[in-house]
Amino acid sequence: MTHTRKPRFTAAPERILALLGLLLIGWYCVSVATTRAYQANTAEWFESLRLGRPAGPPRGTVVGRLDIPAVGVTAMVAEGTDAKTLRRAVGHWTRSPLPGRRGRSVLAGHRDTFFKHLERVRPGDRIMFETPAGDMAYRVRDTAVIGPKDLAALEIGAASGLTLITCYPFHFVGPAPLRYIVRADRVDDPPHAIGG
């Protein structure tokens, strides 16, 4: 029985592809681990603030926790929408007011991490935003697909509300061409009445 050897010119690309695959798997594992660690650390710091025992915050500033029970979204929210912040948390767009202040707050998140189920949100769904100072309840008014430069759709305005934004389509490969937004209005229901 004779063995045929692979030509030398095909072995090198296979090794390169295998190495590239291992590097991508390693990058993914590190990314998931750092995101989980950040969420756990910021959750602990957030709870210490709520209990009146503030500890030194981890890198970045946590401004609250977002909860959308109907679609299983729960994430810490940090100030800023830079790439590093959005890898680890939902980001608060700094040009909008913080939740609880006058005007519409804008929160951004990646469609393949914290906001991957955002397309399942429906009008009437409840959104909770928790802060050390207290909790706020919102009711979803509508959803829309907008262009990436359509900042007018974010409508900061004077009425207290919340706008969530992510890339669209949700299952698009590569940088998505559009944005998906969820607009919600503040309601005065007590926190224990908030549910999916």
Foldseek 3Di string as FASTA:
>chain_A
DDDDDDDPVVVVVVVVVVVVVVVVVVVVVVLVVVLVVLQVQQVVQQVCLLVVNHDDHDPFAWFWWKDFFVQGFIWTETEDDDPVRQSRTWYWHVVADRAPAFWETEIEHECVPRVVRVVVDDFQGKMWIQGSVGIWIWTWHDKDKAFPPPCVVSGRDGFRWYKYKYAPDSPDPDGGGIMMIIIIHTDDDPPVPHHD
